[in-house]
Amino acid sequence: MLITTDICIIGAGAVGLFAVLEAGASKMHCCILEAGSGIKEDVKDQALADYLKVAVSEFNPVFTGGFLNNLTKTEDHTYLLTTSNGREIACKHVIFTDIVNESYDVE
């Protein structure tokens, strides 16, 4: 299934969710790719993320799971992302909010 959106945000922590708030205020649609780091978050960080998930709900972001497998810049200057669970996301902008363990060549 192809998800088409303005912005794909990699990571649904506080930084990613604040990005959704800013994008939503600018009438941009977001897809959030959240794989879960497996790292136990601080209680305050988790509380903030939970609060922000409620706050961003008015902008109807699409949350999807999985890891980023591939990032390609298309001929029409948009991006196509593929995830570890087989999802494809087409977007105009990509925001990375955390450390990426691999490098991606964007052509």
C-alpha atoms as a PDB file:
ATOM      1  CA  MET A   1       0.000   0.000   0.000  1.00  0.00           C
ATOM      2  CA  LEU A   2       1.382   3.414  -0.993  1.00  0.00           C
ATOM      3  CA  ILE A   3       1.015   6.268   1.485  1.00  0.00           C
ATOM      4  CA  THR A   4       1.241   9.711  -0.128  1.00  0.00           C
ATOM      5  CA  THR A   5       1.955  12.664   2.159  1.00  0.00           C
ATOM      6  CA  ASP A   6       3.775  15.984   2.390  1.00  0.00           C
ATOM      7  CA  ILE A   7       6.291  14.968   5.064  1.00  0.00           C
ATOM      8  CA  CYS A   8       7.585  11.641   6.354  1.00  0.00           C
ATOM      9  CA  ILE A   9       9.002  11.900   9.848  1.00  0.00           C
ATOM     10  CA  ILE A  10      11.341   9.150  10.999  1.00  0.00           C
ATOM     11  CA  GLY A  11      10.772   8.719  14.734  1.00  0.00           C
ATOM     12  CA  ALA A  12       7.718   9.352  16.921  1.00  0.00           C
ATOM     13  CA  GLY A  13       9.480  10.715  19.981  1.00  0.00           C
ATOM     14  CA  ALA A  14       9.047  14.277  21.208  1.00  0.00           C
ATOM     15  CA  VAL A  15      11.066  15.778  18.321  1.00  0.00           C
ATOM     16  CA  GLY A  16       9.035  13.974  15.667  1.00  0.00           C
ATOM     17  CA  LEU A  17       5.741  14.868  17.297  1.00  0.00           C
ATOM     18  CA  PHE A  18       6.710  18.538  17.620  1.00  0.00           C
ATOM     19  CA  ALA A  19       7.503  18.428  13.887  1.00  0.00           C
ATOM     20  CA  VAL A  20       3.957  17.136  13.283  1.00  0.00           C
ATOM     21  CA  LEU A  21       2.547  20.068  15.289  1.00  0.00           C
ATOM     22  CA  GLU A  22       4.498  22.575  13.200  1.00  0.00           C
ATOM     23  CA  ALA A  23       3.627  20.878   9.910  1.00  0.00           C
ATOM     24  CA  GLY A  24      -0.035  20.593  10.868  1.00  0.00           C
ATOM     25  CA  ALA A  25      -0.171  24.291  11.713  1.00  0.00           C
ATOM     26  CA  SER A  26       1.101  24.891   8.149  1.00  0.00           C
ATOM     27  CA  LYS A  27      -1.625  22.625   6.708  1.00  0.00           C
ATOM     28  CA  MET A  28       0.876  19.900   5.739  1.00  0.00           C
ATOM     29  CA  HIS A  29       0.060  16.199   6.092  1.00  0.00           C
ATOM     30  CA  CYS A  30       2.485  13.860   7.870  1.00  0.00           C
ATOM     31  CA  CYS A  31       3.341  10.193   8.027  1.00  0.00           C
ATOM     32  CA  ILE A  32       5.355   9.080  11.042  1.00  0.00           C
ATOM     33  CA  LEU A  33       7.586   6.025  10.738  1.00  0.00           C
ATOM     34  CA  GLU A  34       8.107   4.556  14.197  1.00  0.00           C
ATOM     35  CA  ALA A  35       9.947   1.309  14.652  1.00  0.00           C
ATOM     36  CA  GLY A  36      10.618   1.571  18.370  1.00  0.00           C
ATOM     37  CA  SER A  37      14.211   1.707  19.487  1.00  0.00           C
ATOM     38  CA  GLY A  38      13.917  -0.868  22.225  1.00  0.00           C
ATOM     39  CA  ILE A  39      15.514   1.660  24.574  1.00  0.00           C
ATOM     40  CA  LYS A  40      13.497   2.330  27.699  1.00  0.00           C
ATOM     41  CA  GLU A  41      12.519   5.989  27.698  1.00  0.00           C
ATOM     42  CA  ASP A  42      12.681   8.213  30.741  1.00  0.00           C
ATOM     43  CA  VAL A  43       9.271   8.515  32.448  1.00  0.00           C
ATOM     44  CA  LYS A  44       9.155  12.270  31.710  1.00  0.00           C
ATOM     45  CA  ASP A  45      10.043  11.706  28.038  1.00  0.00           C
ATOM     46  CA  GLN A  46       7.335   9.053  27.735  1.00  0.00           C
ATOM     47  CA  ALA A  47       4.774  11.332  29.411  1.00  0.00           C
ATOM     48  CA  LEU A  48       5.657  14.150  26.991  1.00  0.00           C
ATOM     49  CA  ALA A  49       5.392  11.804  23.986  1.00  0.00           C
ATOM     50  CA  ASP A  50       2.006  10.538  25.211  1.00  0.00           C
ATOM     51  CA  TYR A  51       0.754  14.111  25.628  1.00  0.00           C
ATOM     52  CA  LEU A  52       2.018  15.112  22.177  1.00  0.00           C
ATOM     53  CA  LYS A  53       0.337  12.106  20.532  1.00  0.00           C
ATOM     54  CA  VAL A  54      -2.982  13.467  21.797  1.00  0.00           C
ATOM     55  CA  ALA A  55      -2.090  17.016  20.699  1.00  0.00           C
ATOM     56  CA  VAL A  56      -1.163  15.984  17.133  1.00  0.00           C
ATOM     57  CA  SER A  57      -4.300  13.881  16.688  1.00  0.00           C
ATOM     58  CA  GLU A  58      -6.192  16.933  15.389  1.00  0.00           C
ATOM     59  CA  PHE A  59      -3.881  16.887  12.348  1.00  0.00           C
ATOM     60  CA  ASN A  60      -4.595  13.200  11.590  1.00  0.00           C
ATOM     61  CA  PRO A  61      -1.016  12.032  11.030  1.00  0.00           C
ATOM     62  CA  VAL A  62      -0.543   8.512   9.693  1.00  0.00           C
ATOM     63  CA  PHE A  63       1.492   6.338  12.072  1.00  0.00           C
ATOM     64  CA  THR A  64       3.196   3.326  10.524  1.00  0.00           C
ATOM     65  CA  GLY A  65       5.637   0.827  11.959  1.00  0.00           C
ATOM     66  CA  GLY A  66       8.790  -0.731  10.625  1.00  0.00           C
ATOM     67  CA  PHE A  67      12.335   0.316   9.924  1.00  0.00           C
ATOM     68  CA  LEU A  68      13.452   2.410   6.970  1.00  0.00           C
ATOM     69  CA  ASN A  69      14.844   0.071   4.309  1.00  0.00           C
ATOM     70  CA  ASN A  70      15.351   2.378   1.367  1.00  0.00           C
ATOM     71  CA  LEU A  71      15.159   6.073   0.516  1.00  0.00           C
ATOM     72  CA  THR A  72      15.103   7.171  -3.115  1.00  0.00           C
ATOM     73  CA  LYS A  73      14.767  10.625  -4.641  1.00  0.00           C
ATOM     74  CA  THR A  74      12.478  10.400  -7.670  1.00  0.00           C
ATOM     75  CA  GLU A  75      12.667  12.233 -10.981  1.00  0.00           C
ATOM     76  CA  ASP A  76       9.935  14.649  -9.885  1.00  0.00           C
ATOM     77  CA  HIS A  77      12.035  15.652  -6.828  1.00  0.00           C
ATOM     78  CA  THR A  78       9.955  13.781  -4.276  1.00  0.00           C
ATOM     79  CA  TYR A  79      11.067  10.867  -2.112  1.00  0.00           C
ATOM     80  CA  LEU A  80      10.015   7.244  -2.012  1.00  0.00           C
ATOM     81  CA  LEU A  81      10.655   5.367   1.220  1.00  0.00           C
ATOM     82  CA  THR A  82      10.236   1.648   1.700  1.00  0.00           C
ATOM     83  CA  THR A  83       9.940   0.070   5.119  1.00  0.00           C
ATOM     84  CA  SER A  84      10.848  -3.276   6.606  1.00  0.00           C
ATOM     85  CA  ASN A  85       7.176  -4.268   6.673  1.00  0.00           C
ATOM     86  CA  GLY A  86       6.668  -3.576   2.960  1.00  0.00           C
ATOM     87  CA  ARG A  87       5.045  -0.145   3.127  1.00  0.00           C
ATOM     88  CA  GLU A  88       5.900   2.515   0.581  1.00  0.00           C
ATOM     89  CA  ILE A  89       5.689   6.202   1.437  1.00  0.00           C
ATOM     90  CA  ALA A  90       5.814   8.952  -1.199  1.00  0.00           C
ATOM     91  CA  CYS A  91       6.531  12.421   0.191  1.00  0.00           C
ATOM     92  CA  LYS A  92       7.944  15.859  -0.566  1.00  0.00           C
ATOM     93  CA  HIS A  93      10.138  16.080   2.557  1.00  0.00           C
ATOM     94  CA  VAL A  94      11.847  13.648   4.959  1.00  0.00           C
ATOM     95  CA  ILE A  95      12.764  14.527   8.547  1.00  0.00           C
ATOM     96  CA  PHE A  96      15.100  12.301  10.574  1.00  0.00           C
ATOM     97  CA  THR A  97      14.629  12.842  14.308  1.00  0.00           C
ATOM     98  CA  ASP A  98      17.077  10.323  15.689  1.00  0.00           C
ATOM     99  CA  ILE A  99      20.330   8.573  14.950  1.00  0.00           C
ATOM    100  CA  VAL A 100      20.276   6.467  11.810  1.00  0.00           C
ATOM    101  CA  ASN A 101      22.381   3.337  12.068  1.00  0.00           C
ATOM    102  CA  GLU A 102      22.911   3.066   8.330  1.00  0.00           C
ATOM    103  CA  SER A 103      23.785   5.506   5.599  1.00  0.00           C
ATOM    104  CA  TYR A 104      21.485   6.023   2.644  1.00  0.00           C
ATOM    105  CA  ASP A 105      22.606   7.245  -0.746  1.00  0.00           C
ATOM    106  CA  VAL A 106      19.958   9.554  -2.087  1.00  0.00           C
ATOM    107  CA  GLU A 107      20.265   9.910  -5.836  1.00  0.00           C
END
